[in-house]
């Protein structure tokens, strides 16, 4: 059963400007692992923007939207060996799920970007 759906798009230039103007933006929004992954990419700003969109889509899917009590850098987007993205269910996310659901649901995520926009789609479902 689908419990939540979230979608978001982000302007790549907006993320690039935030990163350039405020060095603390990266560590506020992204984990150290995400920063390392994105900085290795040829199109790093597109990758940062896609991950930012994924975090917002995830928060929409759980029904909170942007919530300053949930640190964005704790919503960590990783990639499997085949490149498929997934959200790390760390203690912060597990606690969030515990408050919203009586179990840990499955999270499906898809991200994409062009040179100007990044998109993400999240579906949360029960087993």
N, C-alpha and C. Protein backbone atom coordinates (compact mmCIF):
# COMPACT_ATOMS: atom_id res chain seq x y z
N UNK A 1 0.83 -1.17 0.00
CA UNK A 1 0.00 0.00 0.00
C UNK A 1 0.89 1.25 0.00
N UNK A 2 0.56 2.21 -0.84
CA UNK A 2 1.31 3.46 -0.90
C UNK A 2 0.89 4.36 0.26
N UNK A 3 1.88 4.82 1.01
CA UNK A 3 1.64 5.68 2.16
C UNK A 3 1.90 7.14 1.87
N UNK A 4 2.76 7.41 0.88
CA UNK A 4 3.08 8.79 0.56
C UNK A 4 3.82 8.90 -0.75
N UNK A 5 3.59 10.02 -1.42
CA UNK A 5 4.26 10.32 -2.69
C UNK A 5 4.78 11.76 -2.59
N UNK A 6 5.99 11.96 -3.05
CA UNK A 6 6.56 13.31 -3.07
C UNK A 6 7.33 13.54 -4.36
N UNK A 7 7.24 14.74 -4.86
CA UNK A 7 7.97 15.12 -6.07
C UNK A 7 8.51 16.53 -5.87
N UNK A 8 9.67 16.78 -6.46
CA UNK A 8 10.23 18.12 -6.35
C UNK A 8 11.15 18.38 -7.54
N UNK A 9 11.24 19.64 -7.91
CA UNK A 9 12.22 20.05 -8.90
C UNK A 9 12.98 21.26 -8.36
N UNK A 10 14.24 21.35 -8.75
CA UNK A 10 15.13 22.39 -8.24
C UNK A 10 15.89 22.99 -9.40
N UNK A 11 16.02 24.29 -9.38
CA UNK A 11 16.82 25.00 -10.37
C UNK A 11 18.30 24.81 -10.03
N UNK A 12 19.07 24.25 -10.93
CA UNK A 12 20.48 23.95 -10.69
C UNK A 12 21.26 25.23 -10.38
N UNK A 13 20.99 26.28 -11.09
CA UNK A 13 21.71 27.54 -10.86
C UNK A 13 21.48 28.07 -9.45
N UNK A 14 20.27 27.89 -8.93
CA UNK A 14 19.95 28.33 -7.56
C UNK A 14 20.83 27.59 -6.55
N UNK A 15 20.99 26.30 -6.73
CA UNK A 15 21.83 25.51 -5.82
C UNK A 15 23.30 25.91 -5.98
N UNK A 16 23.73 26.11 -7.21
CA UNK A 16 25.12 26.53 -7.46
C UNK A 16 25.41 27.86 -6.75
N UNK A 17 24.48 28.81 -6.85
CA UNK A 17 24.67 30.11 -6.19
C UNK A 17 24.72 29.97 -4.68
N UNK A 18 23.85 29.13 -4.11
CA UNK A 18 23.84 28.94 -2.65
C UNK A 18 25.16 28.33 -2.18
N UNK A 19 25.67 27.37 -2.94
CA UNK A 19 26.94 26.73 -2.58
C UNK A 19 28.08 27.75 -2.68
N UNK A 20 28.08 28.56 -3.73
CA UNK A 20 29.15 29.54 -3.95
C UNK A 20 29.12 30.66 -2.91
N UNK A 21 27.93 31.11 -2.53
CA UNK A 21 27.79 32.25 -1.61
C UNK A 21 27.95 31.87 -0.15
N UNK A 22 27.57 30.63 0.21
CA UNK A 22 27.57 30.24 1.60
C UNK A 22 28.24 28.88 1.77
N UNK A 23 29.49 28.87 2.22
CA UNK A 23 30.21 27.61 2.39
C UNK A 23 29.54 26.65 3.38
N UNK A 24 28.77 27.16 4.33
CA UNK A 24 28.09 26.32 5.30
C UNK A 24 26.87 25.61 4.71
N UNK A 25 26.41 26.07 3.56
CA UNK A 25 25.23 25.46 2.93
C UNK A 25 25.46 23.98 2.68
N UNK A 26 26.64 23.61 2.18
CA UNK A 26 26.92 22.21 1.86
C UNK A 26 26.75 21.31 3.08
N UNK A 27 27.39 21.67 4.19
CA UNK A 27 27.32 20.80 5.37
C UNK A 27 25.96 20.87 6.06
N UNK A 28 25.21 21.93 5.85
CA UNK A 28 23.87 22.04 6.41
C UNK A 28 22.89 21.12 5.68
N UNK A 29 23.06 20.99 4.38
CA UNK A 29 22.11 20.23 3.55
C UNK A 29 22.59 18.82 3.25
N UNK A 30 23.89 18.62 3.08
CA UNK A 30 24.40 17.34 2.60
C UNK A 30 25.33 16.69 3.61
N UNK A 31 25.32 15.36 3.62
CA UNK A 31 26.26 14.61 4.46
C UNK A 31 27.65 14.69 3.84
N UNK A 32 28.65 14.33 4.61
CA UNK A 32 30.01 14.35 4.07
C UNK A 32 30.14 13.35 2.91
N UNK A 33 29.44 12.22 3.00
CA UNK A 33 29.48 11.24 1.91
C UNK A 33 28.86 11.82 0.63
N UNK A 34 27.75 12.52 0.77
CA UNK A 34 27.12 13.13 -0.41
C UNK A 34 28.01 14.21 -1.03
N UNK A 35 28.63 15.00 -0.20
CA UNK A 35 29.52 16.05 -0.69
C UNK A 35 30.67 15.44 -1.48
N UNK A 36 31.24 14.37 -0.94
CA UNK A 36 32.35 13.69 -1.61
C UNK A 36 31.90 13.12 -2.97
N UNK A 37 30.74 12.47 -2.99
CA UNK A 37 30.23 11.89 -4.23
C UNK A 37 29.99 12.97 -5.28
N UNK A 38 29.29 14.02 -4.90
CA UNK A 38 28.95 15.08 -5.86
C UNK A 38 30.18 15.82 -6.36
N UNK A 39 31.13 16.08 -5.47
CA UNK A 39 32.34 16.80 -5.88
C UNK A 39 33.19 16.02 -6.87
N UNK A 40 33.04 14.70 -6.91
CA UNK A 40 33.80 13.88 -7.87
C UNK A 40 33.15 13.90 -9.26
N UNK A 41 31.93 14.34 -9.34
CA UNK A 41 31.20 14.29 -10.61
C UNK A 41 31.56 15.48 -11.50
N UNK A 42 31.51 15.24 -12.81
CA UNK A 42 31.76 16.31 -13.78
C UNK A 42 30.69 17.39 -13.66
N UNK A 43 29.46 16.98 -13.46
CA UNK A 43 28.33 17.91 -13.31
C UNK A 43 27.90 17.93 -11.85
N UNK A 44 28.79 18.43 -11.00
CA UNK A 44 28.56 18.34 -9.57
C UNK A 44 27.35 19.16 -9.11
N UNK A 45 27.12 20.32 -9.69
CA UNK A 45 25.99 21.13 -9.24
C UNK A 45 24.66 20.47 -9.60
N UNK A 46 24.61 19.80 -10.72
CA UNK A 46 23.41 19.05 -11.09
C UNK A 46 23.17 17.92 -10.09
N UNK A 47 24.25 17.28 -9.67
CA UNK A 47 24.14 16.19 -8.69
C UNK A 47 23.69 16.71 -7.32
N UNK A 48 24.25 17.82 -6.89
CA UNK A 48 23.80 18.42 -5.63
C UNK A 48 22.32 18.80 -5.73
N UNK A 49 21.92 19.38 -6.84
CA UNK A 49 20.53 19.79 -7.02
C UNK A 49 19.59 18.59 -7.01
N UNK A 50 19.98 17.50 -7.64
CA UNK A 50 19.14 16.30 -7.66
C UNK A 50 18.98 15.74 -6.25
N UNK A 51 20.05 15.73 -5.48
CA UNK A 51 19.95 15.23 -4.11
C UNK A 51 19.11 16.17 -3.25
N UNK A 52 19.23 17.47 -3.47
CA UNK A 52 18.40 18.43 -2.74
C UNK A 52 16.92 18.18 -3.07
N UNK A 53 16.62 17.99 -4.34
CA UNK A 53 15.24 17.71 -4.75
C UNK A 53 14.75 16.41 -4.12
N UNK A 54 15.61 15.41 -4.02
CA UNK A 54 15.23 14.13 -3.41
C UNK A 54 14.89 14.30 -1.93
N UNK A 55 15.65 15.12 -1.24
CA UNK A 55 15.37 15.35 0.18
C UNK A 55 14.01 16.04 0.35
N UNK A 56 13.74 17.03 -0.49
CA UNK A 56 12.44 17.71 -0.42
C UNK A 56 11.31 16.77 -0.81
N UNK A 57 11.50 15.95 -1.83
CA UNK A 57 10.47 14.99 -2.24
C UNK A 57 10.21 13.98 -1.13
N UNK A 58 11.25 13.54 -0.45
CA UNK A 58 11.09 12.61 0.67
C UNK A 58 10.25 13.24 1.77
N UNK A 59 10.57 14.48 2.12
CA UNK A 59 9.82 15.16 3.19
C UNK A 59 8.36 15.37 2.79
N UNK A 60 8.12 15.63 1.53
CA UNK A 60 6.73 15.74 1.05
C UNK A 60 6.03 14.39 1.13
N UNK A 61 6.75 13.32 0.81
CA UNK A 61 6.15 11.98 0.83
C UNK A 61 5.75 11.56 2.24
N UNK A 62 6.52 11.98 3.24
CA UNK A 62 6.15 11.62 4.61
C UNK A 62 5.14 12.60 5.19
N UNK A 63 4.86 13.67 4.45
CA UNK A 63 3.80 14.58 4.85
C UNK A 63 4.22 15.77 5.68
N UNK A 64 5.53 15.97 5.85
CA UNK A 64 5.96 17.11 6.67
C UNK A 64 6.35 18.32 5.82
N UNK A 65 6.81 18.08 4.60
CA UNK A 65 7.41 19.17 3.84
C UNK A 65 8.68 19.59 4.55
N UNK A 66 9.25 20.71 4.15
CA UNK A 66 10.47 21.18 4.81
C UNK A 66 10.15 21.46 6.27
N UNK A 67 10.89 20.83 7.14
CA UNK A 67 10.69 20.94 8.58
C UNK A 67 12.06 21.18 9.18
N UNK A 68 12.27 22.36 9.75
CA UNK A 68 13.60 22.71 10.25
C UNK A 68 14.05 21.83 11.41
N UNK A 69 13.15 21.06 12.01
CA UNK A 69 13.56 20.15 13.08
C UNK A 69 14.19 18.88 12.52
N UNK A 70 14.06 18.67 11.21
CA UNK A 70 14.67 17.51 10.56
C UNK A 70 15.90 17.99 9.79
N UNK A 71 17.10 17.69 10.28
CA UNK A 71 18.31 18.15 9.58
C UNK A 71 18.40 17.53 8.18
N UNK A 72 18.49 18.37 7.17
CA UNK A 72 18.57 17.87 5.80
C UNK A 72 19.79 16.98 5.58
N UNK A 73 20.87 17.27 6.28
CA UNK A 73 22.08 16.46 6.10
C UNK A 73 21.94 15.07 6.71
N UNK A 74 20.84 14.81 7.42
CA UNK A 74 20.56 13.48 7.95
C UNK A 74 19.71 12.63 7.01
N UNK A 75 19.17 13.26 5.98
CA UNK A 75 18.47 12.53 4.92
C UNK A 75 19.53 12.28 3.86
N UNK A 76 20.14 11.11 3.92
CA UNK A 76 21.33 10.82 3.12
C UNK A 76 20.95 9.97 1.91
N UNK A 77 21.28 10.48 0.73
CA UNK A 77 21.02 9.77 -0.52
C UNK A 77 22.31 9.07 -0.95
N UNK A 78 22.24 7.76 -1.06
CA UNK A 78 23.36 6.95 -1.54
C UNK A 78 22.98 6.33 -2.88
N UNK A 79 23.93 5.65 -3.47
CA UNK A 79 23.67 4.90 -4.71
C UNK A 79 24.15 3.47 -4.53
N UNK A 80 23.33 2.53 -5.01
CA UNK A 80 23.75 1.14 -5.03
C UNK A 80 24.84 0.99 -6.09
N UNK A 81 25.46 -0.17 -6.15
CA UNK A 81 26.54 -0.40 -7.11
C UNK A 81 26.06 -0.23 -8.56
N UNK A 82 24.77 -0.46 -8.82
CA UNK A 82 24.24 -0.27 -10.17
C UNK A 82 23.80 1.17 -10.44
N UNK A 83 24.01 2.05 -9.45
CA UNK A 83 23.67 3.46 -9.61
C UNK A 83 22.31 3.86 -9.06
N UNK A 84 21.47 2.88 -8.73
CA UNK A 84 20.13 3.17 -8.22
C UNK A 84 20.22 3.90 -6.88
N UNK A 85 19.54 5.05 -6.75
CA UNK A 85 19.61 5.79 -5.49
C UNK A 85 18.72 5.17 -4.41
N UNK A 86 19.13 5.40 -3.18
CA UNK A 86 18.30 5.00 -2.04
C UNK A 86 18.58 5.96 -0.88
N UNK A 87 17.62 6.03 0.03
CA UNK A 87 17.77 6.87 1.22
C UNK A 87 18.24 6.01 2.37
N UNK A 88 19.31 6.43 2.99
CA UNK A 88 19.84 5.71 4.15
C UNK A 88 18.87 5.87 5.32
N UNK A 89 18.48 4.76 5.90
CA UNK A 89 17.59 4.81 7.06
C UNK A 89 18.48 4.85 8.31
N UNK A 90 18.94 6.05 8.65
CA UNK A 90 19.79 6.22 9.83
C UNK A 90 18.89 6.45 11.05
N UNK A 91 19.47 6.72 12.21
CA UNK A 91 18.69 6.88 13.43
C UNK A 91 17.68 8.03 13.34
N UNK A 92 18.07 9.13 12.71
CA UNK A 92 17.16 10.27 12.57
C UNK A 92 15.94 9.89 11.74
N UNK A 93 16.16 9.23 10.63
CA UNK A 93 15.06 8.84 9.75
C UNK A 93 14.22 7.75 10.42
N UNK A 94 14.87 6.81 11.07
CA UNK A 94 14.14 5.74 11.77
C UNK A 94 13.21 6.34 12.83
N UNK A 95 13.72 7.32 13.56
CA UNK A 95 12.91 7.98 14.59
C UNK A 95 11.72 8.71 13.96
N UNK A 96 11.97 9.35 12.83
CA UNK A 96 10.92 10.05 12.11
C UNK A 96 9.84 9.06 11.68
N UNK A 97 10.26 7.92 11.13
CA UNK A 97 9.30 6.89 10.73
C UNK A 97 8.54 6.36 11.94
N UNK A 98 9.24 6.17 13.06
CA UNK A 98 8.59 5.65 14.26
C UNK A 98 7.47 6.59 14.71
N UNK A 99 7.72 7.90 14.57
CA UNK A 99 6.70 8.88 14.96
C UNK A 99 5.52 8.89 13.99
N UNK A 100 5.75 8.54 12.74
CA UNK A 100 4.70 8.61 11.73
C UNK A 100 4.04 7.27 11.44
N UNK A 101 4.81 6.19 11.53
CA UNK A 101 4.32 4.87 11.19
C UNK A 101 4.68 3.89 12.31
N UNK A 102 3.99 2.78 12.38
CA UNK A 102 4.30 1.77 13.39
C UNK A 102 5.34 0.77 12.89
N UNK A 103 5.91 1.02 11.72
CA UNK A 103 6.89 0.12 11.11
C UNK A 103 7.79 0.97 10.22
N UNK A 104 8.86 0.40 9.73
CA UNK A 104 9.73 1.10 8.79
C UNK A 104 9.28 0.76 7.37
N UNK A 105 8.73 1.74 6.67
CA UNK A 105 8.24 1.47 5.31
C UNK A 105 9.37 1.41 4.29
N UNK A 106 9.05 0.93 3.10
CA UNK A 106 9.99 0.94 1.98
C UNK A 106 9.97 2.32 1.34
N UNK A 107 11.14 2.77 0.93
CA UNK A 107 11.25 4.07 0.27
C UNK A 107 11.83 3.86 -1.12
N UNK A 108 11.11 4.31 -2.14
CA UNK A 108 11.57 4.24 -3.52
C UNK A 108 11.88 5.66 -3.97
N UNK A 109 13.00 5.82 -4.68
CA UNK A 109 13.41 7.15 -5.09
C UNK A 109 13.93 7.13 -6.52
N UNK A 110 13.62 8.17 -7.25
CA UNK A 110 14.16 8.35 -8.59
C UNK A 110 14.58 9.81 -8.73
N UNK A 111 15.76 10.01 -9.32
CA UNK A 111 16.29 11.36 -9.52
C UNK A 111 16.72 11.51 -10.98
N UNK A 112 16.63 12.73 -11.48
CA UNK A 112 17.10 13.03 -12.82
C UNK A 112 17.45 14.51 -12.89
N UNK A 113 18.24 14.88 -13.88
CA UNK A 113 18.54 16.30 -14.05
C UNK A 113 18.91 16.60 -15.50
N UNK A 114 18.69 17.85 -15.84
CA UNK A 114 19.22 18.40 -17.08
C UNK A 114 20.31 19.38 -16.64
N UNK A 115 20.80 20.17 -17.54
CA UNK A 115 21.83 21.14 -17.14
C UNK A 115 21.22 22.29 -16.34
N UNK A 116 19.90 22.45 -16.39
CA UNK A 116 19.27 23.58 -15.70
C UNK A 116 18.34 23.20 -14.56
N UNK A 117 17.80 21.97 -14.57
CA UNK A 117 16.85 21.56 -13.54
C UNK A 117 17.14 20.15 -13.07
N UNK A 118 16.81 19.90 -11.80
CA UNK A 118 16.91 18.57 -11.23
C UNK A 118 15.54 18.18 -10.68
N UNK A 119 15.24 16.89 -10.78
CA UNK A 119 13.94 16.39 -10.37
C UNK A 119 14.13 15.16 -9.48
N UNK A 120 13.18 14.95 -8.58
CA UNK A 120 13.18 13.73 -7.77
C UNK A 120 11.75 13.34 -7.46
N UNK A 121 11.57 12.04 -7.34
CA UNK A 121 10.26 11.47 -7.06
C UNK A 121 10.46 10.40 -6.00
N UNK A 122 9.63 10.42 -4.95
CA UNK A 122 9.74 9.46 -3.86
C UNK A 122 8.38 8.82 -3.62
N UNK A 123 8.39 7.51 -3.43
CA UNK A 123 7.18 6.78 -3.03
C UNK A 123 7.53 6.04 -1.75
N UNK A 124 6.64 6.14 -0.77
CA UNK A 124 6.80 5.39 0.46
C UNK A 124 5.66 4.39 0.52
N UNK A 125 6.03 3.12 0.77
CA UNK A 125 5.01 2.07 0.80
C UNK A 125 5.22 1.16 1.99
N UNK A 126 4.16 0.48 2.37
CA UNK A 126 4.24 -0.52 3.42
C UNK A 126 4.57 -1.87 2.78
N UNK A 127 5.03 -2.79 3.60
CA UNK A 127 5.33 -4.14 3.10
C UNK A 127 4.09 -4.88 2.72
